[in-house]
Protein backbone atom coordinates (compact mmCIF):
# COMPACT_ATOMS: atom_id res chain seq x y z
CA MET A 1 -2.51 44.20 -3.49
CA LEU A 2 -2.14 40.82 -5.13
CA ILE A 3 -0.78 40.64 -8.67
CA ILE A 4 -1.33 37.25 -10.27
CA SER A 5 1.07 36.71 -13.11
CA ASP A 6 2.99 33.65 -14.17
CA ARG A 7 5.72 35.98 -15.43
CA ILE A 8 7.29 37.14 -12.18
CA ASP A 9 9.84 39.32 -13.99
CA ALA A 10 7.08 41.20 -15.84
CA ASP A 11 5.39 44.36 -14.61
CA PRO A 12 2.35 44.43 -16.91
CA VAL A 13 0.67 47.30 -15.12
CA GLY A 14 3.70 49.45 -14.34
CA LEU A 15 3.26 49.39 -10.56
CA ARG A 16 6.74 48.29 -9.56
CA SER A 17 7.46 51.74 -8.13
CA SER A 18 4.04 52.06 -6.48
CA PRO A 19 3.95 52.76 -2.73
CA VAL A 20 1.19 50.14 -2.35
CA PRO A 21 2.50 46.86 -0.88
CA LEU A 22 2.48 44.33 -3.72
CA LEU A 23 2.42 40.55 -3.58
CA HIS A 24 3.33 39.18 -7.01
CA LEU A 25 2.66 35.44 -7.38
CA PRO A 26 2.13 32.95 -10.19
CA SER A 27 -1.43 31.62 -10.40
CA PRO A 28 -0.60 28.18 -8.93
CA LEU A 29 1.02 29.68 -5.82
CA PHE A 30 -1.34 32.20 -4.27
CA SER A 31 -3.37 30.94 -1.33
CA ALA A 32 -7.13 31.27 -0.99
CA GLU A 33 -6.53 33.51 2.03
CA GLU A 34 -4.18 35.82 0.07
CA TYR A 35 -6.75 36.03 -2.71
CA GLN A 36 -9.62 36.89 -0.36
CA ARG A 37 -7.67 39.28 1.90
CA ALA A 38 -6.08 41.40 -0.83
CA PRO A 39 -7.91 44.73 -1.19
CA LEU A 40 -7.38 44.51 -4.96
CA VAL A 41 -6.35 41.66 -7.28
CA LEU A 42 -4.77 42.26 -10.69
CA LEU A 43 -4.73 39.28 -13.04
CA ASP A 44 -2.31 39.26 -15.97
CA ASP A 45 -4.45 38.06 -18.90
CA ARG A 46 -1.62 35.73 -19.95
CA SER A 47 -2.27 33.83 -16.68
CA TYR A 48 -6.02 33.54 -17.24
CA THR A 49 -6.09 29.81 -18.01
CA ASP A 50 -4.04 28.82 -14.96
CA PHE A 51 -6.14 31.15 -12.82
CA THR A 52 -9.38 29.51 -13.93
CA LEU A 53 -7.97 26.08 -13.02
CA ARG A 54 -7.83 27.34 -9.40
CA HIS A 55 -11.64 27.81 -9.37
CA ALA A 56 -11.23 30.99 -7.35
CA PRO A 57 -14.55 32.42 -6.20
CA HIS A 58 -15.86 35.68 -7.62
CA ARG A 59 -14.86 38.65 -5.52
CA PRO A 60 -15.02 42.43 -5.77
CA GLY A 61 -11.81 44.14 -6.79
CA LEU A 62 -10.64 41.65 -9.44
CA ILE A 63 -9.17 43.52 -12.42
CA VAL A 64 -7.80 41.85 -15.56
CA VAL A 65 -4.75 43.44 -17.17
CA LEU A 66 -4.78 43.06 -20.96
CA VAL A 67 -1.27 42.80 -22.39
CA ASP A 68 -2.23 42.14 -26.04
CA PRO A 69 -4.36 45.11 -27.13
CA ASP A 70 -5.79 43.13 -30.08
CA ASP A 71 -7.30 40.38 -27.91
CA GLY A 72 -11.04 41.08 -28.01
CA SER A 73 -11.83 37.74 -26.39
CA ILE A 74 -10.72 39.03 -22.99
CA TYR A 75 -13.98 40.82 -22.22
CA PRO A 76 -16.26 37.76 -22.09
CA ARG A 77 -13.50 35.80 -20.32
CA ALA A 78 -13.15 38.56 -17.72
CA ALA A 79 -16.90 38.65 -17.20
CA ALA A 80 -16.91 34.86 -16.71
CA ILE A 81 -14.57 35.15 -13.71
CA GLY A 82 -16.40 38.12 -12.24
CA ALA A 83 -13.80 40.77 -13.04
CA GLU A 84 -14.70 44.33 -12.14
CA ALA A 85 -12.81 45.82 -15.09
CA VAL A 86 -10.32 45.19 -17.86
CA ILE A 87 -7.42 47.59 -18.30
CA ARG A 88 -4.70 47.62 -20.90
CA ALA A 89 -1.14 47.34 -19.68
CA GLY A 90 0.23 50.86 -19.35
CA ASP A 91 -3.16 52.54 -19.89
CA ASN A 92 -5.64 53.91 -17.38
CA LEU A 93 -3.00 54.20 -14.68
CA ASN A 94 -4.73 57.21 -13.14
CA TRP A 95 -7.95 55.21 -12.85
CA LEU A 96 -6.02 52.27 -11.40
CA HIS A 97 -4.25 54.49 -8.88
CA LEU A 98 -7.60 55.93 -7.80
CA ARG A 99 -8.98 52.39 -7.49
CA LEU A 100 -5.92 51.39 -5.43
CA HIS A 101 -6.41 54.45 -3.29
CA ASP A 102 -10.01 53.46 -2.63
CA ALA A 103 -9.23 49.76 -2.06
CA THR A 104 -6.45 50.42 0.43
CA GLY A 105 -8.33 52.91 2.55
CA CYS A 106 -6.72 56.01 1.02
CA ARG A 107 -3.29 55.30 2.49
CA TYR A 108 -1.04 55.14 -0.55
CA ALA A 109 -2.03 57.71 -3.16
CA HIS A 110 -2.49 61.45 -3.33
CA TRP A 111 -5.99 61.54 -4.82
CA GLU A 112 -5.96 65.28 -5.47
CA ALA A 113 -3.11 64.90 -7.95
CA LEU A 114 -4.73 61.89 -9.58
CA LEU A 115 -8.06 63.65 -10.04
CA ALA A 116 -6.40 66.79 -11.41
CA SER A 117 -4.78 64.85 -14.25
CA GLY A 118 -8.13 63.43 -15.37
CA SER A 119 -8.86 59.78 -15.75
CA GLU A 120 -11.29 57.84 -17.81
CA PRO A 121 -12.84 54.67 -16.48
CA PRO A 122 -11.80 51.43 -18.16
CA PRO A 123 -14.34 49.49 -20.17
CA PRO A 124 -16.50 47.16 -18.08
CA ALA A 125 -15.61 43.48 -18.06
CA SER A 126 -18.97 42.51 -19.52
CA GLY A 127 -18.17 44.24 -22.86
């Protein structure tokens, strides 16, 4: 999974301990191949502007991570880049783990445990 964040020391989603292989890069440094090959891409909303300067093509599996819960402008911005969903940092982790499980071919998560704890889908990016 590719995490695009200009704050390398940050873990906006809380996946540092995840068993999924993570590639954490600032927006100017990821390659087009890394972006296209990653089963899932998480974009730190604080890196949105630099990401848009890359003119990355729309792709399935792009999820924007909202760090500031009061930023209502993220939804139209996420829709503009073709994001699949917007999640708040620290929220919806069960949904995200299920999405990771699906994107990585069911190799890294125990879906039975995730489903048992209940998860609600995040709001769509086109909100």
